[in-house]
């Protein structure tokens, strides 16, 4: 009985809880110095969404990493990140009971990203990244500011933070 207890106590620390040091489970190989990030493709008819998402990812990688970022496909890059905006929807979320008009909306954007090494090996892939943002509409037409574009910008920033974190830390 004592032997079993001793073995159990010795083996318990080996079980671990799944946590790891940040950056230790990166999808990007150690020898990678240059990442190419061409403008994301799009399958939607929204204005500049693919540009906002591409710029947000480039900015996030520049802020959080020491990789040299190229803004187009390049043979000189160690890896290339391709993104595609798959869908963008805007749906009414709440209504003003007195006017019967929508008072807030929900922007929902789905994208896919693939990070490939120079040799074509897939390093990271996520086929359905989904982000959403709520924004308020205004009933005052004299001071009307179209709010859905800033909402898409906020979604792009959240998207970039999430994708870069996932590629670097695998969380």
C-alpha atoms as a PDB file:
ATOM      1  CA  UNK A   1       0.000   0.000   0.000  1.00  0.00           C
ATOM      2  CA  UNK A   2       2.828   2.399   0.884  1.00  0.00           C
ATOM      3  CA  UNK A   3       4.607   1.572  -2.363  1.00  0.00           C
ATOM      4  CA  UNK A   4       1.485   2.433  -4.379  1.00  0.00           C
ATOM      5  CA  UNK A   5       1.092   5.714  -2.513  1.00  0.00           C
ATOM      6  CA  UNK A   6       4.750   6.586  -3.096  1.00  0.00           C
ATOM      7  CA  UNK A   7       4.466   5.810  -6.818  1.00  0.00           C
ATOM      8  CA  UNK A   8       1.279   7.886  -7.050  1.00  0.00           C
ATOM      9  CA  UNK A   9       2.954  10.849  -5.350  1.00  0.00           C
ATOM     10  CA  UNK A  10       5.958  10.618  -7.660  1.00  0.00           C
ATOM     11  CA  UNK A  11       3.863  10.372 -10.821  1.00  0.00           C
ATOM     12  CA  UNK A  12       1.380  13.157  -9.973  1.00  0.00           C
ATOM     13  CA  UNK A  13       3.684  16.052 -11.024  1.00  0.00           C
ATOM     14  CA  UNK A  14       4.224  14.369 -14.391  1.00  0.00           C
ATOM     15  CA  UNK A  15       0.517  14.580 -15.212  1.00  0.00           C
ATOM     16  CA  UNK A  16       0.686  18.398 -15.531  1.00  0.00           C
ATOM     17  CA  UNK A  17      -2.236  20.642 -16.211  1.00  0.00           C
ATOM     18  CA  UNK A  18      -1.592  21.588 -19.848  1.00  0.00           C
ATOM     19  CA  UNK A  19      -0.221  25.058 -19.213  1.00  0.00           C
ATOM     20  CA  UNK A  20       2.956  26.128 -20.940  1.00  0.00           C
ATOM     21  CA  UNK A  21       5.199  29.139 -21.108  1.00  0.00           C
ATOM     22  CA  UNK A  22       3.995  31.802 -23.557  1.00  0.00           C
ATOM     23  CA  UNK A  23       5.687  31.426 -26.930  1.00  0.00           C
ATOM     24  CA  UNK A  24       6.771  27.844 -26.299  1.00  0.00           C
ATOM     25  CA  UNK A  25       4.052  26.371 -28.506  1.00  0.00           C
ATOM     26  CA  UNK A  26       4.347  28.731 -31.451  1.00  0.00           C
ATOM     27  CA  UNK A  27       3.305  27.627 -34.922  1.00  0.00           C
ATOM     28  CA  UNK A  28       6.143  29.642 -36.426  1.00  0.00           C
ATOM     29  CA  UNK A  29       9.469  27.772 -36.698  1.00  0.00           C
ATOM     30  CA  UNK A  30      12.502  29.152 -34.867  1.00  0.00           C
ATOM     31  CA  UNK A  31      14.428  30.075 -38.044  1.00  0.00           C
ATOM     32  CA  UNK A  32      11.677  32.324 -39.370  1.00  0.00           C
ATOM     33  CA  UNK A  33      12.684  35.966 -39.739  1.00  0.00           C
ATOM     34  CA  UNK A  34      10.440  37.304 -42.517  1.00  0.00           C
ATOM     35  CA  UNK A  35       6.670  37.006 -42.920  1.00  0.00           C
ATOM     36  CA  UNK A  36       4.824  38.006 -46.082  1.00  0.00           C
ATOM     37  CA  UNK A  37       1.269  39.222 -45.599  1.00  0.00           C
ATOM     38  CA  UNK A  38      -0.429  40.035 -48.906  1.00  0.00           C
ATOM     39  CA  UNK A  39      -3.740  41.906 -48.827  1.00  0.00           C
ATOM     40  CA  UNK A  40      -6.452  39.536 -47.678  1.00  0.00           C
ATOM     41  CA  UNK A  41      -8.799  38.179 -50.317  1.00  0.00           C
ATOM     42  CA  UNK A  42     -12.508  38.811 -49.950  1.00  0.00           C
ATOM     43  CA  UNK A  43     -15.722  37.062 -50.913  1.00  0.00           C
ATOM     44  CA  UNK A  44     -17.943  39.950 -49.809  1.00  0.00           C
ATOM     45  CA  UNK A  45     -19.058  43.283 -51.250  1.00  0.00           C
ATOM     46  CA  UNK A  46     -18.155  45.433 -48.233  1.00  0.00           C
ATOM     47  CA  UNK A  47     -15.891  48.454 -48.630  1.00  0.00           C
ATOM     48  CA  UNK A  48     -12.259  48.016 -47.441  1.00  0.00           C
ATOM     49  CA  UNK A  49     -12.876  45.232 -44.919  1.00  0.00           C
ATOM     50  CA  UNK A  50      -9.991  43.186 -46.331  1.00  0.00           C
ATOM     51  CA  UNK A  51      -7.671  46.218 -46.087  1.00  0.00           C
ATOM     52  CA  UNK A  52      -8.631  46.871 -42.458  1.00  0.00           C
ATOM     53  CA  UNK A  53      -8.017  43.233 -41.529  1.00  0.00           C
ATOM     54  CA  UNK A  54      -4.667  43.068 -43.348  1.00  0.00           C
ATOM     55  CA  UNK A  55      -3.449  46.329 -41.793  1.00  0.00           C
ATOM     56  CA  UNK A  56      -4.537  45.231 -38.320  1.00  0.00           C
ATOM     57  CA  UNK A  57      -2.626  41.925 -38.591  1.00  0.00           C
ATOM     58  CA  UNK A  58       0.505  43.691 -39.896  1.00  0.00           C
ATOM     59  CA  UNK A  59       0.308  46.259 -37.083  1.00  0.00           C
ATOM     60  CA  UNK A  60      -0.174  43.532 -34.448  1.00  0.00           C
ATOM     61  CA  UNK A  61       2.777  41.487 -35.728  1.00  0.00           C
ATOM     62  CA  UNK A  62       4.965  44.601 -35.878  1.00  0.00           C
ATOM     63  CA  UNK A  63       3.996  45.470 -32.313  1.00  0.00           C
ATOM     64  CA  UNK A  64       4.359  42.029 -30.754  1.00  0.00           C
ATOM     65  CA  UNK A  65       7.161  40.368 -32.734  1.00  0.00           C
ATOM     66  CA  UNK A  66      10.540  41.078 -34.289  1.00  0.00           C
ATOM     67  CA  UNK A  67       9.651  39.533 -37.647  1.00  0.00           C
ATOM     68  CA  UNK A  68      10.263  41.578 -40.753  1.00  0.00           C
ATOM     69  CA  UNK A  69       6.867  41.992 -42.410  1.00  0.00           C
ATOM     70  CA  UNK A  70       6.485  42.194 -46.183  1.00  0.00           C
ATOM     71  CA  UNK A  71       3.209  43.568 -47.555  1.00  0.00           C
ATOM     72  CA  UNK A  72       3.047  41.300 -50.589  1.00  0.00           C
ATOM     73  CA  UNK A  73       3.817  37.787 -51.744  1.00  0.00           C
ATOM     74  CA  UNK A  74       7.563  37.398 -51.866  1.00  0.00           C
ATOM     75  CA  UNK A  75       9.960  34.577 -52.582  1.00  0.00           C
ATOM     76  CA  UNK A  76      12.241  36.099 -49.929  1.00  0.00           C
ATOM     77  CA  UNK A  77       9.737  35.448 -47.102  1.00  0.00           C
ATOM     78  CA  UNK A  78      10.249  32.529 -44.736  1.00  0.00           C
ATOM     79  CA  UNK A  79       6.454  32.186 -44.338  1.00  0.00           C
ATOM     80  CA  UNK A  80       3.334  33.728 -45.858  1.00  0.00           C
ATOM     81  CA  UNK A  81       0.037  34.494 -44.145  1.00  0.00           C
ATOM     82  CA  UNK A  82      -2.964  34.399 -46.491  1.00  0.00           C
ATOM     83  CA  UNK A  83      -6.345  35.558 -45.266  1.00  0.00           C
ATOM     84  CA  UNK A  84      -9.805  35.560 -46.799  1.00  0.00           C
ATOM     85  CA  UNK A  85     -12.854  37.467 -45.579  1.00  0.00           C
ATOM     86  CA  UNK A  86     -15.644  34.914 -45.990  1.00  0.00           C
ATOM     87  CA  UNK A  87     -18.703  36.822 -44.777  1.00  0.00           C
ATOM     88  CA  UNK A  88     -19.817  40.062 -43.215  1.00  0.00           C
ATOM     89  CA  UNK A  89     -23.310  40.576 -41.877  1.00  0.00           C
ATOM     90  CA  UNK A  90     -24.992  43.477 -40.143  1.00  0.00           C
ATOM     91  CA  UNK A  91     -28.103  42.553 -38.186  1.00  0.00           C
ATOM     92  CA  UNK A  92     -30.419  44.705 -36.066  1.00  0.00           C
ATOM     93  CA  UNK A  93     -29.935  43.949 -32.404  1.00  0.00           C
ATOM     94  CA  UNK A  94     -32.293  46.258 -30.494  1.00  0.00           C
ATOM     95  CA  UNK A  95     -35.237  48.440 -31.473  1.00  0.00           C
ATOM     96  CA  UNK A  96     -36.500  51.767 -30.208  1.00  0.00           C
ATOM     97  CA  UNK A  97     -40.079  51.130 -29.101  1.00  0.00           C
ATOM     98  CA  UNK A  98     -41.220  54.711 -29.763  1.00  0.00           C
ATOM     99  CA  UNK A  99     -39.912  55.010 -33.338  1.00  0.00           C
ATOM    100  CA  UNK A 100     -39.894  51.336 -34.322  1.00  0.00           C
ATOM    101  CA  UNK A 101     -36.399  51.791 -35.773  1.00  0.00           C
ATOM    102  CA  UNK A 102     -33.296  49.798 -34.951  1.00  0.00           C
ATOM    103  CA  UNK A 103     -31.173  51.399 -32.270  1.00  0.00           C
ATOM    104  CA  UNK A 104     -28.202  49.031 -32.329  1.00  0.00           C
ATOM    105  CA  UNK A 105     -26.708  46.557 -34.746  1.00  0.00           C
ATOM    106  CA  UNK A 106     -24.369  43.598 -34.635  1.00  0.00           C
ATOM    107  CA  UNK A 107     -21.538  43.326 -37.187  1.00  0.00           C
ATOM    108  CA  UNK A 108     -20.406  39.722 -37.655  1.00  0.00           C
ATOM    109  CA  UNK A 109     -17.332  38.920 -39.773  1.00  0.00           C
ATOM    110  CA  UNK A 110     -15.976  35.468 -40.595  1.00  0.00           C
ATOM    111  CA  UNK A 111     -12.531  34.945 -42.078  1.00  0.00           C
ATOM    112  CA  UNK A 112     -10.024  32.201 -42.729  1.00  0.00           C
ATOM    113  CA  UNK A 113      -6.243  32.368 -42.414  1.00  0.00           C
ATOM    114  CA  UNK A 114      -3.441  30.053 -43.512  1.00  0.00           C
ATOM    115  CA  UNK A 115       0.230  30.471 -42.607  1.00  0.00           C
ATOM    116  CA  UNK A 116       2.500  28.499 -44.932  1.00  0.00           C
ATOM    117  CA  UNK A 117       6.250  28.026 -44.811  1.00  0.00           C
ATOM    118  CA  UNK A 118       8.435  28.883 -47.806  1.00  0.00           C
ATOM    119  CA  UNK A 119       8.402  25.191 -48.802  1.00  0.00           C
ATOM    120  CA  UNK A 120       4.563  25.097 -48.817  1.00  0.00           C
ATOM    121  CA  UNK A 121       4.146  23.292 -45.486  1.00  0.00           C
ATOM    122  CA  UNK A 122       1.087  24.580 -43.577  1.00  0.00           C
ATOM    123  CA  UNK A 123       2.215  25.997 -40.234  1.00  0.00           C
ATOM    124  CA  UNK A 124      -1.117  27.365 -39.008  1.00  0.00           C
ATOM    125  CA  UNK A 125      -4.649  27.201 -40.333  1.00  0.00           C
ATOM    126  CA  UNK A 126      -8.006  28.419 -39.078  1.00  0.00           C
ATOM    127  CA  UNK A 127     -10.865  28.081 -41.560  1.00  0.00           C
ATOM    128  CA  UNK A 128     -13.567  29.897 -39.592  1.00  0.00           C
ATOM    129  CA  UNK A 129     -12.450  32.785 -37.407  1.00  0.00           C
ATOM    130  CA  UNK A 130     -15.582  34.617 -36.273  1.00  0.00           C
ATOM    131  CA  UNK A 131     -15.626  38.045 -34.631  1.00  0.00           C
ATOM    132  CA  UNK A 132     -18.493  40.408 -33.860  1.00  0.00           C
ATOM    133  CA  UNK A 133     -19.010  43.957 -32.635  1.00  0.00           C
ATOM    134  CA  UNK A 134     -22.097  45.871 -31.536  1.00  0.00           C
ATOM    135  CA  UNK A 135     -22.645  49.493 -32.530  1.00  0.00           C
ATOM    136  CA  UNK A 136     -25.324  52.073 -31.844  1.00  0.00           C
ATOM    137  CA  UNK A 137     -27.217  53.917 -34.535  1.00  0.00           C
ATOM    138  CA  UNK A 138     -28.344  57.497 -34.197  1.00  0.00           C
ATOM    139  CA  UNK A 139     -31.780  58.906 -34.843  1.00  0.00           C
ATOM    140  CA  UNK A 140     -30.459  62.472 -35.144  1.00  0.00           C
ATOM    141  CA  UNK A 141     -29.859  62.836 -38.877  1.00  0.00           C
ATOM    142  CA  UNK A 142     -28.276  66.308 -38.506  1.00  0.00           C
ATOM    143  CA  UNK A 143     -25.414  64.820 -36.483  1.00  0.00           C
ATOM    144  CA  UNK A 144     -25.430  61.423 -38.208  1.00  0.00           C
ATOM    145  CA  UNK A 145     -22.152  59.541 -38.165  1.00  0.00           C
ATOM    146  CA  UNK A 146     -22.029  56.177 -39.889  1.00  0.00           C
ATOM    147  CA  UNK A 147     -20.830  53.879 -37.080  1.00  0.00           C
ATOM    148  CA  UNK A 148     -20.507  50.545 -38.896  1.00  0.00           C
ATOM    149  CA  UNK A 149     -17.048  51.354 -40.337  1.00  0.00           C
ATOM    150  CA  UNK A 150     -15.514  52.027 -36.878  1.00  0.00           C
ATOM    151  CA  UNK A 151     -17.213  48.825 -35.688  1.00  0.00           C
ATOM    152  CA  UNK A 152     -15.501  46.876 -38.490  1.00  0.00           C
ATOM    153  CA  UNK A 153     -12.187  48.511 -37.494  1.00  0.00           C
ATOM    154  CA  UNK A 154     -12.675  47.313 -33.910  1.00  0.00           C
ATOM    155  CA  UNK A 155     -13.496  43.814 -35.172  1.00  0.00           C
ATOM    156  CA  UNK A 156     -10.301  43.890 -37.276  1.00  0.00           C
ATOM    157  CA  UNK A 157      -8.219  44.791 -34.204  1.00  0.00           C
ATOM    158  CA  UNK A 158      -9.791  41.984 -32.157  1.00  0.00           C
ATOM    159  CA  UNK A 159      -9.270  39.588 -35.068  1.00  0.00           C
ATOM    160  CA  UNK A 160      -5.580  40.558 -35.368  1.00  0.00           C
ATOM    161  CA  UNK A 161      -4.969  40.154 -31.623  1.00  0.00           C
ATOM    162  CA  UNK A 162      -6.654  36.756 -31.644  1.00  0.00           C
ATOM    163  CA  UNK A 163      -4.912  35.378 -34.740  1.00  0.00           C
ATOM    164  CA  UNK A 164      -1.452  36.598 -33.734  1.00  0.00           C
ATOM    165  CA  UNK A 165      -1.908  35.220 -30.201  1.00  0.00           C
ATOM    166  CA  UNK A 166      -3.019  31.886 -31.576  1.00  0.00           C
ATOM    167  CA  UNK A 167      -0.086  31.680 -34.004  1.00  0.00           C
ATOM    168  CA  UNK A 168       2.447  32.666 -31.339  1.00  0.00           C
ATOM    169  CA  UNK A 169       1.059  30.987 -28.227  1.00  0.00           C
ATOM    170  CA  UNK A 170      -1.386  28.318 -29.410  1.00  0.00           C
ATOM    171  CA  UNK A 171      -4.104  29.353 -26.986  1.00  0.00           C
END
